[in-house]
N, C-alpha and C. Protein backbone atom coordinates (compact mmCIF):
# COMPACT_ATOMS: atom_id res chain seq x y z
N MET A 1 80.69 30.35 8.57
CA MET A 1 79.86 31.35 9.43
C MET A 1 79.54 30.77 10.88
N ALA A 2 78.99 29.51 10.77
CA ALA A 2 78.50 29.04 11.92
C ALA A 2 79.83 28.82 12.88
N GLU A 3 80.85 28.22 12.52
CA GLU A 3 81.78 28.16 13.17
C GLU A 3 82.45 29.23 13.97
N ASN A 4 82.66 30.25 13.13
CA ASN A 4 82.95 31.63 13.49
C ASN A 4 82.11 32.02 14.47
N LYS A 5 80.58 31.89 14.40
CA LYS A 5 79.80 32.49 15.60
C LYS A 5 79.99 31.58 16.92
N ARG A 6 80.53 30.20 16.85
CA ARG A 6 80.74 29.45 17.73
C ARG A 6 81.94 29.87 18.69
N GLN A 7 82.89 30.33 17.62
CA GLN A 7 84.16 30.65 18.32
C GLN A 7 83.95 32.05 19.20
N THR A 8 83.24 33.12 18.41
CA THR A 8 82.97 34.19 19.18
C THR A 8 82.24 33.99 20.42
N GLY A 9 81.26 33.15 20.61
CA GLY A 9 80.50 32.52 21.61
C GLY A 9 81.28 32.14 22.75
N THR A 10 82.09 31.12 22.35
CA THR A 10 83.21 30.73 23.41
C THR A 10 83.86 31.63 24.00
N GLU A 11 84.53 32.48 23.22
CA GLU A 11 85.31 33.69 23.58
C GLU A 11 84.58 34.36 24.56
N TYR A 12 83.51 34.86 24.31
CA TYR A 12 82.73 35.71 25.18
C TYR A 12 82.43 34.83 26.34
N GLU A 13 81.87 33.67 26.44
CA GLU A 13 81.78 32.66 27.72
C GLU A 13 82.91 32.83 28.59
N ARG A 14 84.25 32.48 27.96
CA ARG A 14 85.47 32.67 28.83
C ARG A 14 85.40 34.05 29.34
N LYS A 15 85.20 35.08 28.64
CA LYS A 15 85.29 36.39 29.11
C LYS A 15 84.29 36.64 30.39
N ALA A 16 83.18 35.89 30.07
CA ALA A 16 82.19 36.12 31.17
C ALA A 16 82.54 35.19 32.55
N GLY A 17 82.83 34.17 32.11
CA GLY A 17 83.68 33.18 33.30
C GLY A 17 84.81 34.21 33.98
N ALA A 18 85.55 34.81 33.44
CA ALA A 18 86.75 35.56 34.13
C ALA A 18 85.93 36.63 34.88
N TYR A 19 85.15 37.30 34.27
CA TYR A 19 84.59 38.41 34.88
C TYR A 19 83.77 37.96 36.22
N LEU A 20 82.99 36.82 36.25
CA LEU A 20 82.30 36.19 37.18
C LEU A 20 83.27 36.02 38.22
N GLU A 21 84.32 35.18 37.91
CA GLU A 21 85.34 34.98 39.02
C GLU A 21 85.98 36.02 39.61
N GLU A 22 86.01 37.29 38.96
CA GLU A 22 86.71 38.72 39.42
C GLU A 22 85.30 39.12 40.69
N LYS A 23 83.98 38.96 40.45
CA LYS A 23 82.91 39.17 41.17
C LYS A 23 82.76 38.03 42.17
N GLY A 24 83.80 37.17 42.24
CA GLY A 24 83.52 36.33 43.52
C GLY A 24 82.77 34.87 43.15
N TYR A 25 82.47 34.65 41.94
CA TYR A 25 81.81 33.26 41.33
C TYR A 25 82.82 32.46 41.48
N GLU A 26 82.32 31.21 41.72
CA GLU A 26 83.37 30.07 41.35
C GLU A 26 82.63 29.17 40.03
N ILE A 27 83.53 29.04 39.07
CA ILE A 27 82.99 28.59 37.79
C ILE A 27 82.98 26.96 38.16
N LEU A 28 81.91 26.22 37.87
CA LEU A 28 81.75 24.79 38.07
C LEU A 28 81.87 24.32 36.62
N GLU A 29 81.33 25.03 35.70
CA GLU A 29 81.25 24.14 34.34
C GLU A 29 80.95 25.25 33.02
N TYR A 30 81.42 24.65 32.10
CA TYR A 30 81.10 25.72 30.81
C TYR A 30 80.18 24.63 30.16
N ASN A 31 79.45 25.33 29.23
CA ASN A 31 78.71 24.57 28.22
C ASN A 31 78.16 23.21 28.59
N PHE A 32 77.52 23.19 29.55
CA PHE A 32 76.89 22.09 30.06
C PHE A 32 75.78 21.62 29.01
N ARG A 33 75.81 20.61 28.43
CA ARG A 33 74.73 20.11 27.43
C ARG A 33 73.77 19.03 27.88
N CYS A 34 72.60 19.15 27.64
CA CYS A 34 71.89 17.79 27.66
C CYS A 34 70.92 17.83 26.62
N ARG A 35 69.97 16.74 26.50
CA ARG A 35 69.06 16.72 25.39
C ARG A 35 68.23 18.11 25.11
N THR A 36 67.84 18.42 26.01
CA THR A 36 67.11 19.88 25.87
C THR A 36 67.74 21.06 25.56
N GLY A 37 69.16 21.28 25.67
CA GLY A 37 69.57 22.31 25.21
C GLY A 37 71.16 22.52 25.82
N GLU A 38 71.50 23.72 26.15
CA GLU A 38 72.78 23.94 26.79
C GLU A 38 72.83 25.17 27.72
N ILE A 39 73.61 25.11 28.70
CA ILE A 39 74.07 26.38 29.71
C ILE A 39 75.17 26.73 29.54
N ASP A 40 75.35 28.05 29.39
CA ASP A 40 76.63 28.67 29.02
C ASP A 40 77.76 28.18 30.34
N ILE A 41 77.26 28.76 31.38
CA ILE A 41 78.11 28.64 32.60
C ILE A 41 77.20 28.32 33.81
N ILE A 42 77.72 27.23 34.34
CA ILE A 42 77.16 26.89 35.92
C ILE A 42 78.14 27.38 36.83
N ALA A 43 77.68 28.24 37.93
CA ALA A 43 78.72 28.60 38.75
C ALA A 43 78.33 28.61 40.33
N ARG A 44 78.81 28.83 41.21
CA ARG A 44 78.63 29.26 42.63
C ARG A 44 78.83 30.47 43.25
N ASP A 45 77.71 31.22 43.61
CA ASP A 45 78.06 32.46 43.96
C ASP A 45 77.35 32.47 45.57
N GLY A 46 78.16 32.31 46.45
CA GLY A 46 77.83 32.03 47.80
C GLY A 46 77.16 30.63 48.08
N ASP A 47 75.80 31.04 48.65
CA ASP A 47 74.94 29.47 48.73
C ASP A 47 74.26 29.32 47.43
N TYR A 48 74.45 30.12 46.36
CA TYR A 48 73.56 29.77 45.05
C TYR A 48 74.24 29.17 44.18
N LEU A 49 73.49 28.14 43.48
CA LEU A 49 74.10 27.48 42.54
C LEU A 49 73.58 28.51 40.98
N VAL A 50 74.49 28.99 40.31
CA VAL A 50 73.73 29.97 39.17
C VAL A 50 74.02 29.48 37.89
N PHE A 51 73.07 29.49 37.13
CA PHE A 51 72.99 29.01 35.78
C PHE A 51 73.05 30.39 34.85
N CYS A 52 74.03 30.53 34.17
CA CYS A 52 74.41 31.61 33.50
C CYS A 52 74.36 31.67 31.90
N GLU A 53 73.50 32.58 31.42
CA GLU A 53 73.58 32.83 30.03
C GLU A 53 74.29 33.99 29.47
N VAL A 54 75.14 33.64 28.39
CA VAL A 54 75.90 34.84 27.91
C VAL A 54 75.70 35.22 26.66
N LYS A 55 75.49 36.45 26.56
CA LYS A 55 74.92 37.02 25.44
C LYS A 55 75.88 38.30 25.03
N TYR A 56 76.17 38.31 23.41
CA TYR A 56 77.00 39.51 23.13
C TYR A 56 76.41 40.22 22.12
N ARG A 57 76.50 41.42 22.05
CA ARG A 57 76.22 42.00 20.70
C ARG A 57 77.33 43.26 20.26
N SER A 58 77.83 43.34 19.24
CA SER A 58 78.62 44.20 18.91
C SER A 58 78.31 45.56 18.82
N ASP A 59 77.06 45.98 18.48
CA ASP A 59 76.34 47.08 18.47
C ASP A 59 74.85 46.88 19.08
N ALA A 60 74.18 48.31 18.91
CA ALA A 60 72.76 48.23 19.42
C ALA A 60 71.68 47.98 18.49
N LYS A 61 72.26 47.44 17.23
CA LYS A 61 71.33 47.32 16.07
C LYS A 61 70.59 46.12 16.17
N SER A 62 71.11 45.21 16.89
CA SER A 62 70.18 43.94 17.18
C SER A 62 69.58 44.16 18.39
N GLY A 63 69.53 45.07 19.04
CA GLY A 63 68.66 45.15 20.43
C GLY A 63 69.68 44.74 21.38
N HIS A 64 69.34 44.90 22.77
CA HIS A 64 70.18 44.80 23.81
C HIS A 64 70.33 43.25 24.22
N PRO A 65 71.42 42.90 24.41
CA PRO A 65 71.80 41.35 24.41
C PRO A 65 70.94 40.59 25.52
N ALA A 66 70.60 41.16 26.51
CA ALA A 66 69.88 40.64 27.62
C ALA A 66 68.34 40.39 26.98
N GLU A 67 67.89 41.18 25.96
CA GLU A 67 66.43 41.03 25.41
C GLU A 67 66.55 39.67 24.47
N ALA A 68 67.58 39.02 24.32
CA ALA A 68 67.50 37.65 23.48
C ALA A 68 67.37 36.31 24.39
N VAL A 69 67.27 36.53 25.80
CA VAL A 69 66.86 35.70 26.34
C VAL A 69 65.45 35.61 26.61
N ASP A 70 64.79 35.12 25.80
CA ASP A 70 63.12 35.52 25.68
C ASP A 70 62.65 34.18 26.38
N GLN A 71 61.30 34.10 26.60
CA GLN A 71 60.73 32.98 27.27
C GLN A 71 61.17 31.69 26.93
N ARG A 72 61.20 31.50 25.44
CA ARG A 72 61.56 30.26 24.83
C ARG A 72 63.13 29.68 25.40
N LYS A 73 63.93 30.65 25.47
CA LYS A 73 65.27 30.38 25.79
C LYS A 73 65.18 30.18 27.33
N GLN A 74 64.48 30.92 28.12
CA GLN A 74 64.35 30.93 29.83
C GLN A 74 63.82 29.33 29.82
N ARG A 75 62.73 28.79 29.22
CA ARG A 75 62.21 27.64 29.29
C ARG A 75 63.38 26.58 29.13
N THR A 76 64.10 26.93 28.02
CA THR A 76 65.16 25.77 27.65
C THR A 76 66.19 25.44 28.75
N ILE A 77 66.90 26.68 29.31
CA ILE A 77 67.56 26.86 30.40
C ILE A 77 67.08 26.08 31.52
N SER A 78 65.79 26.46 32.02
CA SER A 78 65.18 26.00 33.09
C SER A 78 65.13 24.49 32.99
N LYS A 79 64.87 23.74 31.76
CA LYS A 79 64.78 22.34 31.63
C LYS A 79 66.23 21.78 31.83
N CYS A 80 67.08 22.48 31.26
CA CYS A 80 68.64 21.93 31.56
C CYS A 80 69.07 22.14 32.88
N ALA A 81 68.81 23.03 33.61
CA ALA A 81 68.93 23.31 35.02
C ALA A 81 68.42 22.10 35.68
N LEU A 82 67.03 21.76 35.73
CA LEU A 82 66.55 20.72 36.35
C LEU A 82 67.14 19.53 35.98
N TYR A 83 67.66 19.47 34.81
CA TYR A 83 68.34 17.96 34.46
C TYR A 83 69.76 17.99 35.38
N TYR A 84 70.41 19.11 35.25
CA TYR A 84 71.75 19.21 36.00
C TYR A 84 71.47 18.84 37.56
N LEU A 85 70.25 19.51 38.09
CA LEU A 85 70.11 19.29 39.63
C LEU A 85 69.97 18.02 39.95
N THR A 86 69.01 17.36 38.86
CA THR A 86 68.48 15.92 39.07
C THR A 86 69.72 14.91 38.99
N ARG A 87 70.52 15.23 37.99
CA ARG A 87 71.74 14.20 37.50
C ARG A 87 72.58 14.34 38.90
N ARG A 88 73.01 15.29 39.41
CA ARG A 88 73.82 15.65 40.25
C ARG A 88 73.16 15.57 41.75
N GLY A 89 72.17 15.36 42.16
CA GLY A 89 71.41 14.71 43.28
C GLY A 89 71.33 16.30 44.13
N LEU A 90 70.95 17.37 43.43
CA LEU A 90 71.18 18.72 44.06
C LEU A 90 69.93 19.23 44.01
N SER A 91 68.78 18.43 44.10
CA SER A 91 67.37 19.14 44.15
C SER A 91 66.91 20.13 45.34
N ASP A 92 67.60 20.07 46.16
CA ASP A 92 67.33 21.03 47.32
C ASP A 92 68.36 22.41 47.23
N ALA A 93 69.05 22.37 46.19
CA ALA A 93 70.11 23.46 46.27
C ALA A 93 69.41 24.96 45.92
N ALA A 94 69.75 26.18 46.30
CA ALA A 94 69.03 27.28 45.97
C ALA A 94 69.97 27.59 44.65
N CYS A 95 69.05 27.93 43.73
CA CYS A 95 69.56 28.52 42.80
C CYS A 95 68.97 29.68 42.03
N ARG A 96 69.55 30.16 41.03
CA ARG A 96 69.35 31.44 40.30
C ARG A 96 69.67 31.29 39.09
N PHE A 97 69.19 32.24 38.08
CA PHE A 97 69.32 32.45 36.77
C PHE A 97 69.87 33.72 36.32
N ASP A 98 71.10 33.98 35.91
CA ASP A 98 71.82 35.20 35.82
C ASP A 98 72.09 35.12 34.22
N VAL A 99 72.22 36.44 33.77
CA VAL A 99 72.53 36.81 32.26
C VAL A 99 73.58 37.64 32.40
N VAL A 100 74.91 37.22 31.70
CA VAL A 100 75.61 38.29 31.50
C VAL A 100 75.73 38.77 30.21
N SER A 101 75.74 39.93 30.21
CA SER A 101 75.56 40.56 28.56
C SER A 101 76.80 41.50 28.28
N PHE A 102 77.27 41.34 27.10
CA PHE A 102 78.44 42.12 26.58
C PHE A 102 77.77 42.98 25.34
N GLU A 103 78.01 44.29 25.56
CA GLU A 103 77.48 45.30 24.50
C GLU A 103 78.78 45.95 24.23
N GLY A 104 79.56 45.68 22.93
CA GLY A 104 80.80 46.07 22.87
C GLY A 104 81.77 45.71 23.92
N ASP A 105 82.34 46.88 24.92
CA ASP A 105 83.21 46.43 25.59
C ASP A 105 82.46 46.34 27.08
N ARG A 106 81.42 46.70 27.12
CA ARG A 106 80.48 46.83 28.43
C ARG A 106 79.98 45.38 28.97
N VAL A 107 80.29 44.96 30.17
CA VAL A 107 79.90 44.06 30.73
C VAL A 107 78.78 44.13 31.81
N THR A 108 77.64 43.51 31.77
CA THR A 108 76.58 43.64 32.71
C THR A 108 76.04 42.37 33.24
N ILE A 109 76.16 42.09 34.51
CA ILE A 109 75.55 40.97 35.13
C ILE A 109 74.02 41.21 35.82
N TYR A 110 73.11 40.38 35.17
CA TYR A 110 71.70 40.66 35.59
C TYR A 110 71.49 39.37 36.55
N GLN A 111 71.61 39.63 37.71
CA GLN A 111 71.60 38.54 38.59
C GLN A 111 69.89 38.34 38.99
N ASP A 112 69.66 36.92 39.11
CA ASP A 112 68.28 36.69 39.17
C ASP A 112 67.40 37.29 37.94
N ALA A 113 67.80 37.13 36.76
CA ALA A 113 67.21 37.87 35.68
C ALA A 113 66.02 37.19 35.28
N PHE A 114 65.80 35.87 35.83
CA PHE A 114 64.36 35.37 35.17
C PHE A 114 64.31 34.33 36.56
N ASP A 115 63.00 33.86 36.51
CA ASP A 115 62.53 32.80 37.36
C ASP A 115 62.32 31.36 36.75
N TYR A 116 62.42 30.18 37.20
CA TYR A 116 62.44 29.00 36.75
C TYR A 116 61.02 28.94 35.93
N MET A 117 61.05 28.27 34.55
CA MET A 117 60.01 28.22 33.97
C MET A 117 59.64 26.76 33.74
N GLU A 118 58.39 26.32 33.92
CA GLU A 118 57.89 24.86 33.72
C GLU A 118 57.98 24.82 32.35
N GLY A 119 58.06 23.51 31.93
CA GLY A 119 58.43 22.97 30.44
C GLY A 119 57.11 23.51 29.61
């Protein structure tokens, strides 16, 4: 089951990447991993470095996909983003956190979905 879930996740991350590219984003990296967690997509949108979380729900029974990006998840993504910026010497980069949600066939981008959260 976990492998199947991972495959589904990868499939939707690629779909999200293609959708973001259609919207003018430049995809820099998929599945950036560090000790504290993972960021699904890192992209550039104009002057912004964007850290994207991708969420998928096949139906509304489990709630809205974007709701799954709770404070704990936001904190994890923030820590990973800080690590990414530090490792790449980009501490002055303008950043934002977007959530790309899939509800069945509907795709929504929530730009600036949350602010950086301290550890």
